[in-house]
N, C-alpha and C. Protein backbone atom coordinates (compact mmCIF):
# COMPACT_ATOMS: atom_id res chain seq x y z
N MET A 1 0.77 -1.22 0.03
CA MET A 1 0.04 0.02 -0.01
C MET A 1 0.78 1.21 0.11
N LYS A 2 0.39 2.29 -0.63
CA LYS A 2 1.30 3.47 -0.71
C LYS A 2 0.80 4.36 0.38
N LYS A 3 1.86 5.29 0.84
CA LYS A 3 1.66 6.25 1.84
C LYS A 3 1.94 7.56 1.36
N VAL A 4 0.94 8.54 1.63
CA VAL A 4 1.10 9.86 1.20
C VAL A 4 2.06 10.55 2.20
N ILE A 5 2.94 11.36 1.60
CA ILE A 5 3.96 12.09 2.46
C ILE A 5 3.73 13.57 2.15
N ASN A 6 3.51 14.35 3.22
CA ASN A 6 3.49 15.84 3.07
C ASN A 6 4.03 16.29 4.47
N THR A 7 4.81 17.36 4.45
CA THR A 7 5.37 17.94 5.56
C THR A 7 5.22 19.44 5.51
N ASN A 8 5.08 20.16 6.64
CA ASN A 8 4.92 21.58 6.72
C ASN A 8 6.28 22.33 6.41
N ASN A 9 7.28 21.41 6.46
CA ASN A 9 8.60 22.04 6.20
C ASN A 9 9.06 22.26 4.69
N SER A 10 8.08 21.87 3.86
CA SER A 10 8.33 22.05 2.38
C SER A 10 7.02 22.69 2.00
N PRO A 11 6.94 23.35 0.82
CA PRO A 11 5.66 23.96 0.33
C PRO A 11 4.57 23.20 0.10
N ALA A 12 3.40 23.50 0.46
CA ALA A 12 2.09 22.74 0.06
C ALA A 12 2.04 22.63 -1.35
N PRO A 13 1.44 21.47 -1.90
CA PRO A 13 1.25 21.34 -3.31
C PRO A 13 0.37 22.56 -3.84
N ILE A 14 0.60 22.86 -5.04
CA ILE A 14 -0.21 23.96 -5.68
C ILE A 14 -1.02 23.46 -6.76
N GLY A 15 -1.22 22.04 -6.61
CA GLY A 15 -2.18 21.40 -7.57
C GLY A 15 -2.66 20.06 -6.98
N PRO A 16 -3.31 19.20 -7.78
CA PRO A 16 -3.82 17.98 -7.20
C PRO A 16 -2.76 16.91 -7.16
N TYR A 17 -1.84 16.97 -6.30
CA TYR A 17 -0.79 15.97 -5.99
C TYR A 17 -0.40 16.20 -4.63
N ASN A 18 0.61 15.21 -4.17
CA ASN A 18 1.19 15.30 -2.97
C ASN A 18 2.68 15.70 -3.05
N GLN A 19 3.33 15.96 -2.03
CA GLN A 19 4.66 16.24 -2.00
C GLN A 19 5.42 14.98 -2.38
N ALA A 20 4.97 13.72 -1.91
CA ALA A 20 5.68 12.55 -2.10
C ALA A 20 4.78 11.39 -1.84
N ILE A 21 5.17 10.24 -2.37
CA ILE A 21 4.37 8.88 -2.13
C ILE A 21 5.47 7.95 -1.79
N LEU A 22 5.18 7.23 -0.63
CA LEU A 22 6.13 6.22 -0.18
C LEU A 22 5.53 4.90 -0.46
N LYS A 23 6.14 4.06 -1.28
CA LYS A 23 5.70 2.66 -1.52
C LYS A 23 6.79 1.68 -1.28
N ASN A 24 6.53 0.90 -0.12
CA ASN A 24 7.47 0.08 0.38
C ASN A 24 8.64 0.79 0.82
N ASN A 25 9.83 0.61 0.20
CA ASN A 25 11.07 1.43 0.74
C ASN A 25 11.35 2.46 -0.37
N MET A 26 10.50 2.77 -1.30
CA MET A 26 10.63 3.70 -2.36
C MET A 26 9.91 4.95 -2.26
N LEU A 27 10.64 6.14 -2.27
CA LEU A 27 10.01 7.43 -2.16
C LEU A 27 9.98 8.19 -3.48
N PHE A 28 8.89 8.61 -3.96
CA PHE A 28 8.70 9.30 -5.17
C PHE A 28 8.33 10.78 -4.84
N ILE A 29 9.25 11.58 -5.10
CA ILE A 29 8.99 13.04 -4.73
C ILE A 29 8.62 13.84 -5.87
N SER A 30 7.52 14.49 -5.74
CA SER A 30 7.00 15.42 -6.79
C SER A 30 7.96 16.57 -7.07
N GLY A 31 7.83 17.07 -8.30
CA GLY A 31 8.79 18.12 -8.62
C GLY A 31 8.58 19.35 -7.71
N GLN A 32 9.81 19.74 -7.21
CA GLN A 32 9.69 20.98 -6.16
C GLN A 32 10.26 22.15 -6.89
N ILE A 33 9.64 23.28 -6.66
CA ILE A 33 9.97 24.67 -7.18
C ILE A 33 10.45 25.39 -5.80
N ALA A 34 10.97 26.68 -6.14
CA ALA A 34 11.50 27.52 -4.99
C ALA A 34 10.52 28.21 -4.19
N LEU A 35 9.48 27.61 -3.86
CA LEU A 35 8.45 28.24 -2.85
C LEU A 35 9.03 28.12 -1.48
N ASP A 36 8.94 29.15 -0.79
CA ASP A 36 9.24 29.08 0.72
C ASP A 36 8.13 28.41 1.34
N PRO A 37 8.33 27.59 2.17
CA PRO A 37 7.25 26.76 2.76
C PRO A 37 6.42 27.68 3.81
N ASN A 38 7.03 28.61 4.44
CA ASN A 38 6.43 29.39 5.37
C ASN A 38 5.43 30.56 4.79
N SER A 39 6.04 31.22 3.77
CA SER A 39 5.25 32.22 3.08
C SER A 39 4.55 31.93 1.85
N MET A 40 4.99 30.73 1.24
CA MET A 40 4.58 30.29 -0.08
C MET A 40 4.84 31.33 -1.14
N ASN A 41 5.89 32.26 -0.85
CA ASN A 41 6.38 33.15 -1.95
C ASN A 41 7.54 32.47 -2.61
N LEU A 42 7.85 32.85 -3.75
CA LEU A 42 9.05 32.24 -4.54
C LEU A 42 10.17 32.99 -4.08
N ASN A 43 11.18 32.14 -3.76
CA ASN A 43 12.64 32.59 -3.45
C ASN A 43 13.46 32.47 -4.81
N ASN A 44 13.35 33.46 -5.64
CA ASN A 44 13.92 33.39 -6.97
C ASN A 44 14.71 34.75 -7.29
N SER A 45 15.60 35.28 -6.31
CA SER A 45 16.26 36.34 -6.49
C SER A 45 17.42 36.12 -7.53
N SER A 46 17.93 34.91 -7.43
CA SER A 46 18.95 34.40 -8.48
C SER A 46 18.65 33.02 -8.71
N ILE A 47 19.23 32.45 -9.74
CA ILE A 47 19.10 31.12 -10.16
C ILE A 47 19.74 30.19 -9.08
N ARG A 48 20.83 30.70 -8.44
CA ARG A 48 21.42 29.93 -7.41
C ARG A 48 20.65 29.91 -6.02
N GLU A 49 19.90 31.04 -5.77
CA GLU A 49 19.10 30.95 -4.57
C GLU A 49 17.90 30.21 -4.89
N GLU A 50 17.38 30.25 -6.05
CA GLU A 50 16.18 29.42 -6.51
C GLU A 50 16.43 27.93 -6.31
N THR A 51 17.67 27.60 -6.82
CA THR A 51 18.01 26.20 -6.74
C THR A 51 18.29 25.67 -5.22
N HIS A 52 18.83 26.54 -4.43
CA HIS A 52 19.12 26.26 -3.05
C HIS A 52 17.68 26.10 -2.34
N GLN A 53 16.67 26.86 -2.67
CA GLN A 53 15.44 26.66 -2.04
C GLN A 53 14.73 25.34 -2.57
N VAL A 54 14.83 24.94 -3.73
CA VAL A 54 14.37 23.65 -4.27
C VAL A 54 15.06 22.52 -3.53
N MET A 55 16.32 22.62 -3.36
CA MET A 55 17.11 21.56 -2.69
C MET A 55 16.65 21.39 -1.24
N LYS A 56 16.51 22.69 -0.60
CA LYS A 56 15.95 22.51 0.81
C LYS A 56 14.60 22.04 0.95
N ASN A 57 13.77 22.25 -0.01
CA ASN A 57 12.37 21.62 0.02
C ASN A 57 12.53 20.18 -0.21
N LEU A 58 13.33 19.73 -1.13
CA LEU A 58 13.50 18.25 -1.36
C LEU A 58 14.20 17.67 0.00
N LYS A 59 15.10 18.21 0.53
CA LYS A 59 15.83 17.67 1.63
C LYS A 59 14.84 17.50 2.86
N ASN A 60 13.87 18.45 3.05
CA ASN A 60 12.74 18.39 4.15
C ASN A 60 11.81 17.21 3.77
N ILE A 61 11.62 17.09 2.61
CA ILE A 61 10.63 15.91 2.33
C ILE A 61 11.31 14.61 2.58
N LEU A 62 12.61 14.42 2.26
CA LEU A 62 13.40 13.34 2.37
C LEU A 62 13.48 13.06 3.98
N LYS A 63 13.80 14.11 4.72
CA LYS A 63 13.91 14.13 6.13
C LYS A 63 12.58 13.54 6.80
N GLU A 64 11.46 13.95 6.27
CA GLU A 64 10.23 13.41 6.90
C GLU A 64 10.05 11.96 6.90
N VAL A 65 10.72 11.19 6.03
CA VAL A 65 10.81 9.68 6.15
C VAL A 65 12.11 9.21 6.58
N ASN A 66 12.87 9.93 7.20
CA ASN A 66 14.14 9.54 7.62
C ASN A 66 15.08 9.16 6.59
N MET A 67 15.21 9.81 5.55
CA MET A 67 15.97 9.78 4.43
C MET A 67 16.75 11.05 4.22
N ASP A 68 17.90 10.97 3.39
CA ASP A 68 18.51 12.05 2.93
C ASP A 68 19.03 11.93 1.45
N PHE A 69 19.91 12.77 1.01
CA PHE A 69 20.23 12.82 -0.30
C PHE A 69 21.15 11.48 -0.65
N LYS A 70 21.60 10.83 0.20
CA LYS A 70 22.37 9.59 0.10
C LYS A 70 21.40 8.48 -0.43
N ASN A 71 20.14 8.68 -0.21
CA ASN A 71 19.06 7.65 -0.47
C ASN A 71 18.52 7.94 -1.91
N VAL A 72 18.86 9.11 -2.49
CA VAL A 72 18.37 9.49 -3.85
C VAL A 72 18.98 8.57 -4.91
N VAL A 73 18.18 7.95 -5.72
CA VAL A 73 18.86 7.08 -6.90
C VAL A 73 18.51 7.76 -8.24
N LYS A 74 17.53 8.61 -8.34
CA LYS A 74 17.15 9.31 -9.59
C LYS A 74 16.70 10.63 -9.32
N SER A 75 17.22 11.55 -10.07
CA SER A 75 16.78 12.91 -10.14
C SER A 75 16.43 13.45 -11.55
N SER A 76 15.42 14.23 -11.58
CA SER A 76 15.06 14.95 -12.77
C SER A 76 15.01 16.36 -12.65
N ILE A 77 15.79 17.10 -13.45
CA ILE A 77 15.97 18.67 -13.37
C ILE A 77 15.38 19.22 -14.66
N PHE A 78 14.45 20.07 -14.37
CA PHE A 78 13.82 20.88 -15.43
C PHE A 78 14.24 22.30 -15.46
N LEU A 79 14.73 22.77 -16.43
CA LEU A 79 15.15 24.14 -16.61
C LEU A 79 14.35 25.00 -17.55
N SER A 80 14.23 26.13 -17.31
CA SER A 80 13.61 27.06 -18.29
C SER A 80 14.45 27.50 -19.45
N ASP A 81 15.81 27.32 -19.15
CA ASP A 81 16.83 27.76 -20.02
C ASP A 81 18.20 27.06 -19.75
N MET A 82 18.65 26.30 -20.76
CA MET A 82 19.94 25.68 -20.44
C MET A 82 21.11 26.44 -20.13
N ASN A 83 21.00 27.86 -20.23
CA ASN A 83 22.07 28.64 -19.74
C ASN A 83 22.12 28.72 -18.15
N HIS A 84 21.16 28.16 -17.51
CA HIS A 84 21.15 28.11 -16.10
C HIS A 84 21.91 26.78 -15.63
N PHE A 85 22.23 25.87 -16.55
CA PHE A 85 22.86 24.55 -16.33
C PHE A 85 23.96 24.54 -15.22
N LYS A 86 24.94 25.51 -15.53
CA LYS A 86 26.11 25.60 -14.73
C LYS A 86 25.91 25.93 -13.33
N ASN A 87 24.98 26.94 -13.16
CA ASN A 87 24.75 27.37 -11.69
C ASN A 87 23.83 26.42 -11.05
N VAL A 88 22.93 25.86 -11.71
CA VAL A 88 22.01 24.82 -11.10
C VAL A 88 22.85 23.47 -10.73
N ASN A 89 23.67 23.28 -11.63
CA ASN A 89 24.56 22.07 -11.44
C ASN A 89 25.45 22.20 -10.28
N GLU A 90 26.09 23.35 -10.05
CA GLU A 90 26.98 23.57 -8.92
C GLU A 90 26.24 23.63 -7.51
N VAL A 91 25.12 24.22 -7.48
CA VAL A 91 24.22 24.21 -6.25
C VAL A 91 23.68 22.84 -5.94
N TYR A 92 23.12 22.17 -6.99
CA TYR A 92 22.69 20.78 -6.86
C TYR A 92 23.86 19.80 -6.17
N GLY A 93 24.95 19.92 -6.96
CA GLY A 93 26.17 19.00 -6.53
C GLY A 93 26.53 19.26 -5.22
N SER A 94 26.35 20.43 -4.56
CA SER A 94 26.90 20.77 -3.30
C SER A 94 26.17 20.07 -2.25
N TYR A 95 24.88 19.66 -2.51
CA TYR A 95 24.12 18.93 -1.48
C TYR A 95 24.36 17.37 -1.66
N LEU A 96 25.09 16.86 -2.47
CA LEU A 96 25.38 15.49 -2.71
C LEU A 96 26.73 15.02 -2.32
N GLU A 97 26.82 13.83 -1.84
CA GLU A 97 28.06 13.30 -1.47
C GLU A 97 28.86 12.80 -2.78
N ALA A 98 30.12 13.29 -2.82
CA ALA A 98 30.91 12.85 -4.13
C ALA A 98 30.91 11.43 -4.18
N GLY A 99 30.83 10.84 -5.44
CA GLY A 99 30.86 9.45 -5.58
C GLY A 99 29.65 8.66 -5.33
N ASN A 100 28.57 9.44 -4.79
CA ASN A 100 27.32 8.86 -4.43
C ASN A 100 26.09 9.50 -5.12
N GLU A 101 26.44 10.27 -6.18
CA GLU A 101 25.41 11.11 -6.85
C GLU A 101 24.39 10.17 -7.55
N PRO A 102 23.21 10.46 -7.68
CA PRO A 102 22.15 9.62 -8.27
C PRO A 102 22.22 9.75 -9.78
N ALA A 103 21.57 8.90 -10.44
CA ALA A 103 21.25 8.94 -11.95
C ALA A 103 20.52 10.28 -12.18
N ARG A 104 20.59 10.90 -13.29
CA ARG A 104 19.88 12.17 -13.49
C ARG A 104 19.79 12.47 -14.99
N GLU A 105 18.68 13.17 -15.33
CA GLU A 105 18.55 13.88 -16.65
C GLU A 105 18.26 15.24 -16.27
N THR A 106 18.70 16.16 -17.24
CA THR A 106 18.42 17.65 -17.10
C THR A 106 17.76 18.02 -18.41
N ILE A 107 16.53 18.67 -18.29
CA ILE A 107 15.84 18.87 -19.51
C ILE A 107 15.30 20.37 -19.55
N ALA A 108 15.45 21.04 -20.66
CA ALA A 108 14.95 22.31 -20.90
C ALA A 108 13.58 22.30 -21.38
N VAL A 109 12.68 23.08 -20.79
CA VAL A 109 11.36 23.13 -21.20
C VAL A 109 10.99 24.61 -21.51
N LYS A 110 9.88 24.62 -22.10
CA LYS A 110 9.29 25.95 -22.46
C LYS A 110 8.85 26.81 -21.28
N THR A 111 8.10 26.28 -20.28
CA THR A 111 7.62 26.89 -19.20
C THR A 111 7.62 26.00 -18.02
N LEU A 112 7.70 26.54 -16.78
CA LEU A 112 7.57 25.74 -15.53
C LEU A 112 6.43 26.40 -14.65
N PRO A 113 5.95 25.56 -13.86
CA PRO A 113 4.83 26.32 -12.89
C PRO A 113 5.30 27.57 -12.20
N MET A 114 4.40 28.59 -12.26
CA MET A 114 4.70 29.83 -11.75
C MET A 114 5.87 30.55 -12.37
N ASN A 115 6.09 30.20 -13.52
CA ASN A 115 7.36 30.80 -14.35
C ASN A 115 8.71 30.60 -13.62
N VAL A 116 8.87 29.71 -12.83
CA VAL A 116 10.11 29.41 -12.21
C VAL A 116 11.30 28.99 -13.24
N ASN A 117 12.44 29.06 -12.89
CA ASN A 117 13.60 28.69 -13.72
C ASN A 117 14.00 27.12 -13.62
N VAL A 118 13.76 26.66 -12.35
CA VAL A 118 14.12 25.24 -12.13
C VAL A 118 13.14 24.50 -11.30
N GLU A 119 12.98 23.20 -11.66
CA GLU A 119 12.07 22.33 -10.91
C GLU A 119 12.80 21.09 -10.80
N ILE A 120 12.85 20.37 -9.63
CA ILE A 120 13.66 19.11 -9.49
C ILE A 120 12.65 18.03 -8.76
N SER A 121 12.59 16.82 -9.36
CA SER A 121 11.93 15.67 -8.66
C SER A 121 12.98 14.65 -8.45
N MET A 122 12.73 13.80 -7.50
CA MET A 122 13.60 12.70 -7.08
C MET A 122 12.92 11.42 -6.71
N ILE A 123 13.59 10.34 -6.91
CA ILE A 123 13.21 9.03 -6.41
C ILE A 123 14.26 8.51 -5.44
N ALA A 124 13.98 8.12 -4.18
CA ALA A 124 14.81 7.62 -3.19
C ALA A 124 14.43 6.29 -2.74
N ILE A 125 15.43 5.45 -2.16
CA ILE A 125 15.08 4.22 -1.70
C ILE A 125 15.82 4.09 -0.34
N ALA A 126 15.11 3.51 0.52
CA ALA A 126 15.58 3.43 2.02
C ALA A 126 16.52 2.25 2.01
């Protein structure tokens, strides 16, 4: 049976979905954007700050089920512009343990929710 995971330490969903679903030992995290969980305002003063907020939101969802970035096996990064790749990559990588990075793809898309520049989803295994 699946278990719905939602935490007040990450932003509430802005649509008909949950922050994450836990099935057995696998956690499927919905795409996170740079919403501050307390104010629900975007933290997008720069692409680096935006990415930090996304990673903090993901970290808090992982923490809710006693996991961390070491448990992540797959990430999907969506960018509004591939010119953001370098900065997003540097910030994203700063949260991961060298040599234990997950599989990943980075995709440029036309538009993201609330016109953000980066959205990241993850799959983790306990």
